[in-house]
Amino acid sequence: MNKSLLIGVTLRNRYKIFQYLGGGGFGDTYLANDLDLPGQPLCVVKHLKLKNPNPDFLTLAKKLFDREAQFLYELGKQHPQIPQLFAHFPENGEFYLVQEYVDGHDLIKAKEIIPGSPKSESEVLRLVKEILEVLAFVHQQGIIHRDIKPQNLMRRNDGKIVLIDFGAVKEISALKVNAQGESSLTVAIGTRGYMPSEQQAFRPQFSSDIYAVGILAFQALTGLQPQQLPRDANNGELYCALLADRINISPQGAEILDTMVRYDYRQRYQNGTVALQALQRYLDLYEAPTLQPTPRIVQASQAAPLVSSQNSSQSVSETSIFQKILQFFRQLFGESTPDNPQASSIIARQPASTSGSFEQPEGQVSLQSAFYVERPPTEADCYETILQPGALIRIRHTGKWVRLHF
C-alpha cells in the first residue's frame, strides 16, 4: 500500500490519520487525531506490512500480534517512559497499533548525538544512565527491545528519555511460513551497527540491548557513526584505548563502556539492571560533590608576614572521597590515646596554630599546615584508587607495617 493512501483515512471510525511520520520494510508510522476524546488529542498509528497472503501465515501473525500487543500494553501501563498502547486491531487484512504520542525529539534531532561533534564523558555517562534506567525495567519484565538506536530514544519535552519502537512487533512482518506450516524469520530484527553478532544470528540476549547502548555511547563520545568505530585487528573488539587520540575518558568510565560492547555476549553486563548498578557505583565517585572550603584565618600577629599574607587568601577544599578515607582511618585507628598519640594527627586536619611560634617544616606536616602543598589531580586519583575494590594499601603505623586489602 502506498504510504500516502492512508492520509485522510479514519480507522475504526475513531483514529483520523493526517500525517506520515516515517517507516521502513516492516511498516509505516502516522500521526492521527483521536476523534472520540475531548480536544481530539494526537496519537501515533503504526501500520504493519504483511506481504505473505498464506492463510497459515496470517493466522500465526494474528496470534503473535495479539501477544506482542499485550506486552506493549503492560510495559506502557507500568512505566511512564514507555508509550502507552491505546488500541490494536486488524482492519481489511492489515494490522494496526495505536500508541501514545511522545511530544519531543529523538536523540539525533535533539542534538544529543551529533556526527562530528563529540560529547564529554560526563554527558555521555549521564545519557547512558537515563537509558539504562528504562531498559532495566524492560529486562525485568523478560523483554528484549532488540532495536535500541538514537532514533528510538526520544527526549520528551519534560526532559525524560522515552524508549519507543520495540523490535518484537517487527518480528511479525519478518516471518516466513513454509508449506509444512513451519515458521522462521527472514531477517534479523534490529539495525545494522547496533546489532551484536548473536542478534544477527537470530539469538538475541538481554545483553544484546546492552551492546546497542554501548555503541550509542561510543557514538556520542566520538562523534563517529557505528560503522566508523575502529576495531582491534586481532579479535574484532571495540574498546576505548583504540580511540585514545579522539576521546578523553577516565579508566573507570572506559572499563564500563568496554564491557558493554564485548563481542562475546557472556562477557558483557548481562542485563540493564547489572549495567546500571556498575555505572551507578562509578558515578557515585565521579560526581561526588566538592565541599565548600572553610577559610583559614591567620592573625597577622600570630604568624610571619609572608605566611599570613599567603594564607589569608588561600582555601583548602576537600572532596567527599577524601572524607571517606578519613572516616576509614578513624575507624581503623580510633582516637588519640597515650599508646597512640599520633592517631588524631594522621586522620584529621589539625587546627591552625594560635601560638606565636613558627612551625618547623620538617617531617610529616598537618594538612592544615602552611607548608602543606596540594597536588591536584594526583591526590584525587590516589583517593579514587584507594577506594577501588581489591586495592592493597601498606601503612606504617606505630612502628609496624599494616596491610589493608579492600
Protein backbone atom coordinates (compact mmCIF):
# COMPACT_ATOMS: atom_id res chain seq x y z
CA MET A 1 0.00 0.00 0.00
CA ASN A 2 1.25 3.46 -0.91
CA LYS A 3 2.12 5.31 2.29
CA SER A 4 0.12 8.36 1.18
CA LEU A 5 -3.06 6.34 0.70
CA LEU A 6 -3.77 6.34 4.45
CA ILE A 7 -3.64 10.13 4.74
CA GLY A 8 -7.19 11.26 5.48
CA VAL A 9 -8.36 7.74 6.38
CA THR A 10 -10.22 7.23 9.67
CA LEU A 11 -9.58 3.83 11.19
CA ARG A 12 -12.32 2.25 13.29
CA ASN A 13 -14.29 5.48 12.87
CA ARG A 14 -12.01 6.97 15.53
CA TYR A 15 -8.38 7.50 14.51
CA LYS A 16 -8.12 10.03 11.68
CA ILE A 17 -4.69 9.91 10.01
CA PHE A 18 -3.32 13.23 8.75
CA GLN A 19 0.49 12.97 8.58
CA TYR A 20 3.13 10.41 7.58
CA LEU A 21 5.96 10.18 10.12
CA GLY A 22 8.23 7.51 8.67
CA GLY A 23 8.64 3.83 8.08
CA GLY A 24 10.61 1.02 6.52
CA GLY A 25 10.39 -2.56 5.40
CA PHE A 26 8.30 -3.59 8.39
CA GLY A 27 5.68 -0.87 8.42
CA ASP A 28 4.75 2.80 8.38
CA THR A 29 4.02 5.25 11.17
CA TYR A 30 1.46 8.03 11.05
CA LEU A 31 0.18 10.88 13.18
CA ALA A 32 -3.56 10.88 13.85
CA ASN A 33 -6.28 12.51 15.92
CA ASP A 34 -8.40 10.52 18.37
CA LEU A 35 -11.88 11.70 17.44
CA ASP A 36 -13.52 10.07 20.47
CA LEU A 37 -11.70 12.14 23.10
CA PRO A 38 -12.20 15.80 24.02
CA GLY A 39 -9.90 18.03 22.03
CA GLN A 40 -9.12 15.21 19.59
CA PRO A 41 -5.61 14.61 21.02
CA LEU A 42 -2.73 13.34 18.94
CA CYS A 43 -1.83 9.66 18.77
CA VAL A 44 0.55 7.51 16.71
CA VAL A 45 -0.76 4.83 14.35
CA LYS A 46 1.59 2.06 13.23
CA HIS A 47 0.67 0.05 10.17
CA LEU A 48 2.40 -3.33 9.91
CA LYS A 49 3.18 -4.50 6.41
CA LEU A 50 2.28 -8.14 5.75
CA LYS A 51 3.45 -9.40 2.37
CA ASN A 52 2.56 -13.06 2.75
CA PRO A 53 -1.01 -13.98 1.78
CA ASN A 54 -0.62 -17.54 3.08
CA PRO A 55 -3.57 -18.28 5.43
CA ASP A 56 -1.24 -20.13 7.83
CA PHE A 57 0.93 -17.05 7.95
CA LEU A 58 -1.99 -14.73 8.65
CA THR A 59 -3.18 -16.99 11.49
CA LEU A 60 0.27 -17.03 13.07
CA ALA A 61 0.72 -13.30 12.53
CA LYS A 62 -2.56 -12.57 14.30
CA LYS A 63 -1.52 -14.72 17.26
CA LEU A 64 1.88 -13.03 17.55
CA PHE A 65 0.34 -9.60 17.04
CA ASP A 66 -2.03 -10.10 19.97
CA ARG A 67 0.77 -11.43 22.16
CA GLU A 68 3.18 -8.61 21.42
CA ALA A 69 0.43 -6.01 21.81
CA GLN A 70 -0.20 -7.40 25.30
CA PHE A 71 3.49 -6.95 26.13
CA LEU A 72 3.45 -3.35 24.90
CA TYR A 73 0.27 -2.63 26.80
CA GLU A 74 1.74 -3.90 30.08
CA LEU A 75 5.03 -2.03 29.60
CA GLY A 76 3.35 1.29 28.81
CA LYS A 77 0.90 0.91 31.66
CA GLN A 78 3.62 0.26 34.23
CA HIS A 79 6.36 2.68 33.17
CA PRO A 80 5.87 6.38 32.38
CA GLN A 81 8.82 6.44 29.93
CA ILE A 82 7.36 3.84 27.58
CA PRO A 83 4.47 4.93 25.32
CA GLN A 84 1.07 3.57 26.27
CA LEU A 85 -0.76 1.28 23.87
CA PHE A 86 -4.28 2.58 23.23
CA ALA A 87 -5.52 0.02 20.71
CA HIS A 88 -4.50 -2.83 18.42
CA PHE A 89 -6.69 -4.27 15.71
CA PRO A 90 -6.80 -5.85 12.23
CA GLU A 91 -8.70 -3.99 9.51
CA ASN A 92 -9.14 -5.14 5.91
CA GLY A 93 -6.46 -7.77 6.42
CA GLU A 94 -3.95 -5.24 7.79
CA PHE A 95 -2.66 -4.84 11.35
CA TYR A 96 -2.56 -1.56 13.27
CA LEU A 97 -1.28 -0.31 16.62
CA VAL A 98 -2.36 2.97 18.19
CA GLN A 99 0.05 4.39 20.74
CA GLU A 100 0.62 7.45 22.88
CA TYR A 101 2.16 10.40 21.07
CA VAL A 102 5.52 11.42 22.55
CA ASP A 103 5.95 15.18 22.50
CA GLY A 104 9.67 15.55 21.91
CA HIS A 105 12.55 14.66 19.61
CA ASP A 106 14.80 11.65 19.12
CA LEU A 107 18.43 11.90 20.22
CA ILE A 108 19.58 12.93 16.74
CA LYS A 109 17.05 15.74 16.34
CA ALA A 110 17.56 16.74 19.97
CA LYS A 111 21.27 17.13 19.09
CA GLU A 112 22.40 14.88 21.91
CA ILE A 113 24.23 12.73 19.36
CA ILE A 114 25.77 14.81 16.61
CA PRO A 115 28.06 13.39 13.90
CA GLY A 116 31.46 15.06 14.14
CA SER A 117 30.66 16.67 17.50
CA PRO A 118 31.91 14.52 20.42
CA LYS A 119 30.33 14.81 23.85
CA SER A 120 32.19 14.78 27.18
CA GLU A 121 32.45 11.72 29.39
CA SER A 122 30.08 13.19 31.96
CA GLU A 123 27.43 13.99 29.32
CA VAL A 124 27.68 10.52 27.79
CA LEU A 125 27.54 8.64 31.08
CA ARG A 126 24.53 10.63 32.25
CA LEU A 127 22.75 9.76 29.00
CA VAL A 128 23.68 6.08 29.34
CA LYS A 129 22.32 6.08 32.88
CA GLU A 130 18.99 7.53 31.75
CA ILE A 131 18.66 4.86 29.05
CA LEU A 132 19.61 2.03 31.39
CA GLU A 133 17.05 3.14 33.97
CA VAL A 134 14.28 2.44 31.45
CA LEU A 135 15.96 -0.60 29.92
CA ALA A 136 16.43 -2.23 33.33
CA PHE A 137 12.65 -2.18 33.79
CA VAL A 138 12.08 -3.67 30.34
CA HIS A 139 14.51 -6.52 31.04
CA GLN A 140 12.92 -7.16 34.42
CA GLN A 141 9.70 -7.89 32.52
CA GLY A 142 11.53 -10.53 30.48
CA ILE A 143 11.50 -8.47 27.26
CA ILE A 144 14.41 -7.70 24.91
CA HIS A 145 13.96 -4.47 22.97
CA ARG A 146 16.18 -5.52 20.03
CA ASP A 147 16.29 -2.17 18.24
CA ILE A 148 17.92 0.40 20.51
CA LYS A 149 19.35 3.27 18.49
CA PRO A 150 19.23 7.10 18.67
CA GLN A 151 16.06 7.26 16.57
CA ASN A 152 14.21 5.03 19.05
CA LEU A 153 15.14 7.12 22.08
CA MET A 154 13.05 10.25 22.48
CA ARG A 155 13.90 13.23 24.66
CA ARG A 156 10.43 14.20 25.79
CA ASN A 157 9.72 17.88 26.37
CA ASP A 158 9.68 17.30 30.12
CA GLY A 159 13.33 16.21 29.89
CA LYS A 160 12.74 12.47 30.28
CA ILE A 161 14.07 9.75 27.96
CA VAL A 162 11.33 7.64 26.35
CA LEU A 163 12.05 4.24 24.78
CA ILE A 164 9.95 3.57 21.67
CA ASP A 165 9.55 1.16 18.73
CA PHE A 166 10.17 -2.26 20.24
CA GLY A 167 11.51 -4.78 17.74
CA ALA A 168 9.16 -7.51 18.91
CA VAL A 169 6.29 -6.28 16.74
CA LYS A 170 8.56 -6.11 13.68
CA GLU A 171 9.08 -9.84 14.01
CA ILE A 172 5.58 -10.37 12.63
CA SER A 173 6.44 -8.76 9.29
CA ALA A 174 9.72 -10.71 9.10
CA LEU A 175 8.06 -14.12 9.45
CA LYS A 176 8.10 -16.79 6.80
CA VAL A 177 5.82 -19.84 6.82
CA ASN A 178 6.64 -22.81 4.59
CA ALA A 179 4.27 -25.40 3.09
CA GLN A 180 4.51 -27.51 6.23
CA GLY A 181 3.33 -24.62 8.38
CA GLU A 182 6.77 -24.13 9.97
CA SER A 183 7.72 -20.54 10.68
CA SER A 184 11.08 -18.81 10.62
CA LEU A 185 12.45 -15.29 10.49
CA THR A 186 13.62 -13.99 7.13
CA VAL A 187 15.81 -11.22 8.55
CA ALA A 188 17.29 -10.39 11.95
CA ILE A 189 15.36 -7.76 13.90
CA GLY A 190 17.47 -4.71 14.66
CA THR A 191 19.57 -2.03 12.98
CA ARG A 192 22.97 -2.57 11.42
CA GLY A 193 25.77 -1.15 13.53
CA TYR A 194 23.86 -1.59 16.78
CA MET A 195 23.25 -5.35 16.46
CA PRO A 196 25.81 -7.70 18.05
CA SER A 197 26.73 -10.99 16.42
CA GLU A 198 24.35 -13.19 18.40
CA GLN A 199 21.40 -10.99 17.45
CA GLN A 200 22.35 -11.15 13.78
CA ALA A 201 22.33 -14.94 14.20
CA PHE A 202 18.69 -14.78 15.47
CA ARG A 203 19.70 -15.46 19.10
CA PRO A 204 19.23 -12.12 20.90
CA GLN A 205 20.05 -11.88 24.60
CA PHE A 206 19.35 -9.22 27.22
CA SER A 207 22.99 -8.24 26.85
CA SER A 208 22.32 -7.60 23.13
CA ASP A 209 20.47 -4.46 24.22
CA ILE A 210 23.43 -3.53 26.43
CA TYR A 211 25.69 -3.77 23.38
CA ALA A 212 23.44 -1.36 21.47
CA VAL A 213 23.51 1.16 24.33
CA GLY A 214 27.31 0.85 24.43
CA ILE A 215 27.61 1.53 20.70
CA LEU A 216 25.36 4.54 21.14
CA ALA A 217 27.66 5.77 23.94
CA PHE A 218 30.75 5.40 21.72
CA GLN A 219 28.90 7.26 19.00
CA ALA A 220 28.15 10.17 21.33
CA LEU A 221 31.67 10.17 22.82
CA THR A 222 33.48 10.21 19.46
CA GLY A 223 31.09 11.86 17.02
CA LEU A 224 31.59 8.82 14.75
CA GLN A 225 28.95 6.60 13.19
CA PRO A 226 28.87 2.96 14.40
CA GLN A 227 30.45 1.71 11.17
CA GLN A 228 33.32 4.19 11.60
CA LEU A 229 34.37 2.98 15.04
CA PRO A 230 37.77 1.24 14.91
CA ARG A 231 38.10 -2.43 15.83
CA ASP A 232 41.05 -4.45 17.05
CA ALA A 233 42.57 -6.18 14.01
CA ASN A 234 43.26 -9.35 16.02
CA ASN A 235 39.91 -10.02 17.67
CA GLY A 236 37.41 -7.51 16.26
CA GLU A 237 36.82 -5.97 19.71
CA LEU A 238 35.92 -2.33 20.26
CA TYR A 239 37.41 -0.53 23.24
CA CYS A 240 38.28 2.99 24.33
CA ALA A 241 42.07 2.52 24.04
CA LEU A 242 41.67 2.39 20.25
CA LEU A 243 40.31 5.94 20.41
CA ALA A 244 42.85 7.44 22.81
CA ASP A 245 43.63 10.25 20.34
CA ARG A 246 39.97 11.22 19.98
CA ILE A 247 38.38 10.91 23.42
CA ASN A 248 39.09 11.97 26.99
CA ILE A 249 37.71 9.38 29.40
CA SER A 250 38.69 8.04 32.81
CA PRO A 251 39.94 4.42 33.19
CA GLN A 252 36.80 3.51 35.13
CA GLY A 253 34.48 5.04 32.54
CA ALA A 254 36.39 3.29 29.76
CA GLU A 255 36.07 -0.05 31.54
CA ILE A 256 32.30 0.33 31.75
CA LEU A 257 31.90 1.15 28.06
CA ASP A 258 34.36 -1.57 27.02
CA THR A 259 32.38 -4.15 28.99
CA MET A 260 29.11 -3.09 27.38
CA VAL A 261 30.37 -3.80 23.84
CA ARG A 262 32.28 -7.06 24.28
CA TYR A 263 31.98 -9.32 21.25
CA ASP A 264 31.04 -12.31 23.41
CA TYR A 265 27.63 -11.60 24.95
CA ARG A 266 28.61 -13.59 28.06
CA GLN A 267 31.36 -11.08 28.85
CA ARG A 268 29.02 -8.07 28.82
CA TYR A 269 26.78 -6.86 31.60
CA GLN A 270 24.03 -9.44 31.43
CA ASN A 271 21.06 -7.07 31.62
CA GLY A 272 20.06 -3.48 32.21
CA THR A 273 19.98 -3.80 36.00
CA VAL A 274 23.56 -5.14 36.22
CA ALA A 275 24.85 -2.46 33.85
CA LEU A 276 23.04 0.30 35.73
CA GLN A 277 24.46 -0.85 39.07
CA ALA A 278 28.02 -0.85 37.70
CA LEU A 279 27.58 2.62 36.22
CA GLN A 280 25.98 4.00 39.38
CA ARG A 281 28.88 2.82 41.53
CA TYR A 282 31.26 4.77 39.34
CA LEU A 283 29.06 7.86 39.14
CA ASP A 284 28.86 7.95 42.95
CA LEU A 285 32.59 8.68 42.89
CA TYR A 286 32.77 10.59 39.61
CA GLU A 287 30.02 13.04 40.55
CA ALA A 288 30.87 13.27 44.26
CA PRO A 289 30.14 16.87 45.28
CA THR A 290 33.05 19.05 46.36
CA LEU A 291 32.63 20.63 49.79
CA GLN A 292 32.97 24.38 50.02
CA PRO A 293 36.24 25.30 51.73
CA THR A 294 36.30 26.95 55.16
CA PRO A 295 38.72 29.92 55.04
CA ARG A 296 41.64 29.56 57.42
CA ILE A 297 42.22 32.89 59.18
CA VAL A 298 45.69 33.59 60.49
CA GLN A 299 46.14 36.68 62.64
CA ALA A 300 48.94 38.92 61.46
CA SER A 301 50.42 38.93 64.97
CA GLN A 302 50.45 35.14 65.13
CA ALA A 303 52.50 34.29 62.05
CA ALA A 304 55.24 35.61 59.88
CA PRO A 305 54.00 38.32 57.49
CA LEU A 306 54.75 36.20 54.43
CA VAL A 307 52.79 33.21 55.72
CA SER A 308 49.90 35.42 56.87
CA SER A 309 49.66 37.14 53.51
CA GLN A 310 49.77 33.86 51.68
CA ASN A 311 47.18 32.04 53.78
CA SER A 312 44.67 34.84 54.26
CA SER A 313 43.65 34.36 50.62
CA GLN A 314 44.23 30.60 50.48
CA SER A 315 41.46 28.00 50.98
CA VAL A 316 41.51 24.27 51.38
CA SER A 317 38.90 22.11 49.67
CA GLU A 318 38.04 18.54 50.48
CA THR A 319 36.18 16.07 48.30
CA SER A 320 33.75 13.57 49.67
CA ILE A 321 36.22 10.90 48.54
CA PHE A 322 38.81 12.31 50.94
CA GLN A 323 36.27 12.34 53.76
CA LYS A 324 35.57 8.67 53.13
CA ILE A 325 39.29 7.97 53.51
CA LEU A 326 39.40 9.94 56.77
CA GLN A 327 36.36 8.10 58.11
CA PHE A 328 38.00 4.78 57.32
CA PHE A 329 41.17 5.71 59.20
CA ARG A 330 39.18 6.91 62.19
CA GLN A 331 37.52 3.53 62.37
CA LEU A 332 40.85 1.76 61.89
CA PHE A 333 43.00 3.65 64.38
CA GLY A 334 40.47 5.24 66.74
CA GLU A 335 41.00 8.48 68.63
CA SER A 336 44.31 9.58 70.09
CA THR A 337 45.42 7.54 73.13
CA PRO A 338 48.56 7.51 75.30
CA ASP A 339 49.71 4.45 73.37
CA ASN A 340 48.89 6.06 70.07
CA PRO A 341 49.43 9.81 70.45
CA GLN A 342 49.77 10.35 66.68
CA ALA A 343 46.46 8.80 65.67
CA SER A 344 44.50 12.03 65.56
CA SER A 345 47.22 13.77 63.57
CA ILE A 346 47.04 11.00 60.96
CA ILE A 347 43.30 11.03 60.48
CA ALA A 348 42.20 14.63 60.87
CA ARG A 349 43.25 18.07 59.82
CA GLN A 350 44.79 19.99 62.68
CA PRO A 351 43.55 23.47 63.53
CA ALA A 352 45.83 26.32 62.70
CA SER A 353 48.21 27.16 65.48
CA THR A 354 47.21 30.06 67.68
CA SER A 355 50.60 30.40 69.32
CA GLY A 356 53.23 32.88 68.23
CA SER A 357 55.83 30.19 67.47
CA PHE A 358 56.80 29.25 63.94
CA GLU A 359 56.05 25.80 62.54
CA GLN A 360 59.12 23.77 61.70
CA PRO A 361 58.83 22.46 58.11
CA GLU A 362 60.27 19.03 58.69
CA GLY A 363 58.86 15.50 58.81
CA GLN A 364 55.11 14.92 58.36
CA VAL A 365 53.14 18.15 58.37
CA SER A 366 49.46 18.69 59.12
CA LEU A 367 47.10 19.07 56.18
CA GLN A 368 46.25 22.50 57.62
CA SER A 369 49.90 23.50 57.65
CA ALA A 370 51.02 26.49 55.65
CA PHE A 371 53.75 24.22 54.31
CA TYR A 372 51.35 21.58 53.00
CA VAL A 373 51.07 21.76 49.22
CA GLU A 374 48.07 20.22 47.50
CA ARG A 375 48.79 18.38 44.26
CA PRO A 376 45.61 18.00 42.20
CA PRO A 377 44.78 15.84 40.33
CA THR A 378 47.32 13.45 41.86
CA GLU A 379 45.60 13.35 45.25
CA ALA A 380 42.13 12.82 43.79
CA ASP A 381 43.48 9.98 41.64
CA CYS A 382 45.08 8.40 44.72
CA TYR A 383 41.87 8.68 46.73
CA GLU A 384 39.88 7.02 43.93
CA THR A 385 42.47 4.25 43.62
CA ILE A 386 42.33 3.57 47.36
CA LEU A 387 38.56 3.19 47.20
CA GLN A 388 38.63 0.72 44.31
CA PRO A 389 37.59 -2.87 45.15
CA GLY A 390 40.69 -5.02 45.55
CA ALA A 391 43.02 -2.11 46.39
CA LEU A 392 46.03 -3.10 48.55
CA ILE A 393 47.49 -0.43 50.83
CA ARG A 394 50.50 -0.65 53.13
CA ILE A 395 50.64 1.85 56.01
CA ARG A 396 53.33 2.26 58.64
CA HIS A 397 51.56 2.87 61.93
CA THR A 398 53.12 2.98 65.46
CA GLY A 399 56.29 1.38 64.16
CA LYS A 400 54.57 -1.52 62.37
CA TRP A 401 53.51 -2.10 58.79
CA VAL A 402 49.80 -2.67 58.30
CA ARG A 403 48.43 -4.27 55.13
CA LEU A 404 44.92 -3.24 54.16
CA HIS A 405 43.02 -5.08 51.41
CA PHE A 406 39.71 -3.64 50.17
